[in-house]
Amino acid sequence: MDLSIREHIINNFKGDDYDTLRRAIDESVASQDEVTLPGLGVFLEIIWENADQELKNQLVDIIKKRVEKGLNEAKKEN
């Protein structure tokens, strides 16, 4: 049975509660480990597919502002 990366990540978190998901996201972002990027990408895809237009606009605004500042500037602020 071949699982896609998406399926593997989703299956890995099935049944997890809110706190576990939140902690996984917080730890992935804090670690700045590129290995976690596919998982965060799957989470963003899930958010995007289920977001209304207002939330999508907010997400794009946040991303655009951070991209314009550059990665190093964004890290200094955190």
N, C-alpha and C. Protein backbone atom coordinates (compact mmCIF):
# COMPACT_ATOMS: atom_id res chain seq x y z
N MET A 1 0.85 -1.18 0.00
CA MET A 1 0.00 0.00 0.00
C MET A 1 0.89 1.23 0.00
N ASP A 2 0.76 2.08 -1.01
CA ASP A 2 1.53 3.31 -1.11
C ASP A 2 0.71 4.47 -0.58
N LEU A 3 1.24 5.13 0.44
CA LEU A 3 0.59 6.32 0.97
C LEU A 3 1.31 7.54 0.47
N SER A 4 0.56 8.56 0.15
CA SER A 4 1.18 9.81 -0.23
C SER A 4 1.66 10.52 1.04
N ILE A 5 2.48 11.52 0.86
CA ILE A 5 2.94 12.31 2.01
C ILE A 5 1.75 12.90 2.74
N ARG A 6 0.79 13.41 1.98
CA ARG A 6 -0.42 14.00 2.60
C ARG A 6 -1.13 12.97 3.48
N GLU A 7 -1.36 11.80 2.90
CA GLU A 7 -2.08 10.76 3.64
C GLU A 7 -1.30 10.34 4.89
N HIS A 8 0.01 10.22 4.75
CA HIS A 8 0.83 9.82 5.89
C HIS A 8 0.73 10.86 7.02
N ILE A 9 0.84 12.11 6.67
CA ILE A 9 0.78 13.18 7.68
C ILE A 9 -0.59 13.22 8.33
N ILE A 10 -1.63 13.17 7.51
CA ILE A 10 -2.99 13.20 8.06
C ILE A 10 -3.24 11.99 8.96
N ASN A 11 -2.83 10.80 8.51
CA ASN A 11 -3.00 9.60 9.33
C ASN A 11 -2.21 9.68 10.63
N ASN A 12 -1.06 10.34 10.57
CA ASN A 12 -0.22 10.47 11.76
C ASN A 12 -0.89 11.29 12.86
N PHE A 13 -1.79 12.19 12.47
CA PHE A 13 -2.43 13.07 13.45
C PHE A 13 -3.89 12.72 13.70
N LYS A 14 -4.40 11.69 13.01
CA LYS A 14 -5.81 11.29 13.23
C LYS A 14 -6.01 10.93 14.70
N GLY A 15 -7.08 11.43 15.25
CA GLY A 15 -7.41 11.10 16.63
C GLY A 15 -6.73 11.97 17.66
N ASP A 16 -5.78 12.81 17.23
CA ASP A 16 -5.11 13.69 18.18
C ASP A 16 -6.05 14.81 18.60
N ASP A 17 -5.92 15.24 19.84
CA ASP A 17 -6.77 16.31 20.34
C ASP A 17 -6.19 17.68 19.98
N TYR A 18 -6.93 18.71 20.31
CA TYR A 18 -6.56 20.10 20.01
C TYR A 18 -5.16 20.43 20.53
N ASP A 19 -4.90 20.10 21.79
CA ASP A 19 -3.62 20.45 22.40
C ASP A 19 -2.44 19.76 21.70
N THR A 20 -2.63 18.52 21.31
CA THR A 20 -1.57 17.79 20.61
C THR A 20 -1.28 18.42 19.26
N LEU A 21 -2.33 18.76 18.52
CA LEU A 21 -2.14 19.42 17.23
C LEU A 21 -1.46 20.78 17.40
N ARG A 22 -1.91 21.54 18.37
CA ARG A 22 -1.33 22.86 18.62
C ARG A 22 0.15 22.75 18.97
N ARG A 23 0.47 21.80 19.85
CA ARG A 23 1.85 21.59 20.27
C ARG A 23 2.73 21.16 19.08
N ALA A 24 2.19 20.29 18.23
CA ALA A 24 2.95 19.83 17.06
C ALA A 24 3.26 21.01 16.12
N ILE A 25 2.28 21.87 15.92
CA ILE A 25 2.50 23.04 15.06
C ILE A 25 3.49 23.99 15.70
N ASP A 26 3.29 24.30 16.98
CA ASP A 26 4.21 25.21 17.68
C ASP A 26 5.64 24.69 17.66
N GLU A 27 5.82 23.40 17.92
CA GLU A 27 7.16 22.82 17.94
C GLU A 27 7.79 22.80 16.54
N SER A 28 6.98 22.53 15.53
CA SER A 28 7.50 22.52 14.16
C SER A 28 7.98 23.90 13.74
N VAL A 29 7.20 24.91 14.07
CA VAL A 29 7.58 26.28 13.72
C VAL A 29 8.80 26.71 14.51
N ALA A 30 8.81 26.43 15.81
CA ALA A 30 9.92 26.84 16.67
C ALA A 30 11.23 26.17 16.29
N SER A 31 11.16 24.92 15.86
CA SER A 31 12.39 24.19 15.55
C SER A 31 13.06 24.70 14.28
N GLN A 32 12.29 25.31 13.41
CA GLN A 32 12.78 25.79 12.12
C GLN A 32 13.51 24.68 11.35
N ASP A 33 13.10 23.46 11.59
CA ASP A 33 13.66 22.30 10.91
C ASP A 33 12.92 22.09 9.59
N GLU A 34 13.66 22.06 8.51
CA GLU A 34 13.03 21.93 7.20
C GLU A 34 12.34 20.59 7.00
N VAL A 35 12.62 19.62 7.83
CA VAL A 35 11.96 18.31 7.75
C VAL A 35 10.47 18.47 8.05
N THR A 36 10.11 19.46 8.86
CA THR A 36 8.70 19.64 9.24
C THR A 36 7.90 20.43 8.20
N LEU A 37 8.57 21.00 7.22
CA LEU A 37 7.87 21.83 6.24
C LEU A 37 6.77 21.09 5.47
N PRO A 38 6.99 19.84 5.06
CA PRO A 38 5.89 19.16 4.36
C PRO A 38 4.64 19.03 5.23
N GLY A 39 4.81 18.74 6.50
CA GLY A 39 3.66 18.61 7.40
C GLY A 39 2.94 19.93 7.57
N LEU A 40 3.70 21.01 7.72
CA LEU A 40 3.08 22.32 7.83
C LEU A 40 2.39 22.70 6.53
N GLY A 41 2.96 22.27 5.42
CA GLY A 41 2.32 22.52 4.13
C GLY A 41 0.99 21.79 4.00
N VAL A 42 0.93 20.57 4.49
CA VAL A 42 -0.33 19.81 4.47
C VAL A 42 -1.36 20.51 5.36
N PHE A 43 -0.92 20.98 6.52
CA PHE A 43 -1.84 21.71 7.40
C PHE A 43 -2.35 22.98 6.73
N LEU A 44 -1.46 23.72 6.05
CA LEU A 44 -1.89 24.93 5.34
C LEU A 44 -2.88 24.57 4.24
N GLU A 45 -2.62 23.48 3.53
CA GLU A 45 -3.55 23.05 2.49
C GLU A 45 -4.93 22.76 3.07
N ILE A 46 -4.98 22.11 4.22
CA ILE A 46 -6.26 21.81 4.88
C ILE A 46 -6.96 23.11 5.26
N ILE A 47 -6.22 24.04 5.83
CA ILE A 47 -6.79 25.34 6.21
C ILE A 47 -7.35 26.03 4.97
N TRP A 48 -6.53 26.10 3.92
CA TRP A 48 -6.91 26.81 2.70
C TRP A 48 -8.18 26.23 2.09
N GLU A 49 -8.25 24.91 2.03
CA GLU A 49 -9.41 24.26 1.42
C GLU A 49 -10.70 24.49 2.21
N ASN A 50 -10.56 24.80 3.49
CA ASN A 50 -11.74 24.95 4.34
C ASN A 50 -11.98 26.39 4.78
N ALA A 51 -11.18 27.31 4.29
CA ALA A 51 -11.29 28.72 4.68
C ALA A 51 -12.26 29.47 3.78
N ASP A 52 -12.93 30.44 4.38
CA ASP A 52 -13.75 31.33 3.55
C ASP A 52 -12.84 32.40 2.94
N GLN A 53 -13.40 33.21 2.07
CA GLN A 53 -12.59 34.20 1.35
C GLN A 53 -11.91 35.19 2.30
N GLU A 54 -12.57 35.56 3.37
CA GLU A 54 -11.99 36.52 4.32
C GLU A 54 -10.73 35.94 4.98
N LEU A 55 -10.79 34.70 5.42
CA LEU A 55 -9.63 34.07 6.03
C LEU A 55 -8.50 33.90 5.02
N LYS A 56 -8.83 33.53 3.79
CA LYS A 56 -7.81 33.40 2.75
C LYS A 56 -7.11 34.74 2.52
N ASN A 57 -7.89 35.82 2.49
CA ASN A 57 -7.30 37.15 2.32
C ASN A 57 -6.38 37.50 3.48
N GLN A 58 -6.79 37.16 4.70
CA GLN A 58 -5.95 37.42 5.88
C GLN A 58 -4.65 36.64 5.79
N LEU A 59 -4.73 35.39 5.41
CA LEU A 59 -3.53 34.56 5.30
C LEU A 59 -2.57 35.12 4.25
N VAL A 60 -3.11 35.49 3.11
CA VAL A 60 -2.27 36.05 2.06
C VAL A 60 -1.64 37.36 2.52
N ASP A 61 -2.39 38.19 3.24
CA ASP A 61 -1.84 39.45 3.77
C ASP A 61 -0.67 39.18 4.71
N ILE A 62 -0.83 38.22 5.61
CA ILE A 62 0.24 37.87 6.56
C ILE A 62 1.47 37.38 5.80
N ILE A 63 1.26 36.48 4.86
CA ILE A 63 2.38 35.92 4.09
C ILE A 63 3.06 37.02 3.29
N LYS A 64 2.29 37.86 2.64
CA LYS A 64 2.86 38.94 1.81
C LYS A 64 3.72 39.88 2.65
N LYS A 65 3.23 40.27 3.82
CA LYS A 65 3.99 41.17 4.69
C LYS A 65 5.30 40.53 5.13
N ARG A 66 5.26 39.26 5.50
CA ARG A 66 6.47 38.57 5.94
C ARG A 66 7.46 38.37 4.81
N VAL A 67 6.95 38.04 3.63
CA VAL A 67 7.82 37.84 2.48
C VAL A 67 8.52 39.15 2.12
N GLU A 68 7.79 40.24 2.17
CA GLU A 68 8.37 41.53 1.85
C GLU A 68 9.46 41.93 2.83
N LYS A 69 9.30 41.56 4.09
CA LYS A 69 10.31 41.86 5.11
C LYS A 69 11.54 40.99 4.94
N GLY A 70 11.36 39.83 4.38
CA GLY A 70 12.46 38.88 4.25
C GLY A 70 12.52 37.97 5.46
N LEU A 71 13.09 36.84 5.26
CA LEU A 71 13.15 35.81 6.31
C LEU A 71 13.93 36.27 7.52
N ASN A 72 15.07 36.89 7.34
CA ASN A 72 15.89 37.31 8.48
C ASN A 72 15.20 38.37 9.32
N GLU A 73 14.54 39.32 8.69
CA GLU A 73 13.81 40.35 9.43
C GLU A 73 12.68 39.74 10.25
N ALA A 74 11.96 38.80 9.66
CA ALA A 74 10.85 38.15 10.35
C ALA A 74 11.34 37.38 11.56
N LYS A 75 12.50 36.72 11.45
CA LYS A 75 13.05 35.96 12.58
C LYS A 75 13.45 36.88 13.73
N LYS A 76 13.97 38.06 13.42
CA LYS A 76 14.38 39.01 14.45
C LYS A 76 13.19 39.46 15.30
N GLU A 77 12.01 39.60 14.66
CA GLU A 77 10.83 40.07 15.37
C GLU A 77 10.27 39.01 16.30
N ASN A 78 10.53 37.75 16.05
CA ASN A 78 9.98 36.67 16.87
C ASN A 78 10.85 36.39 18.00
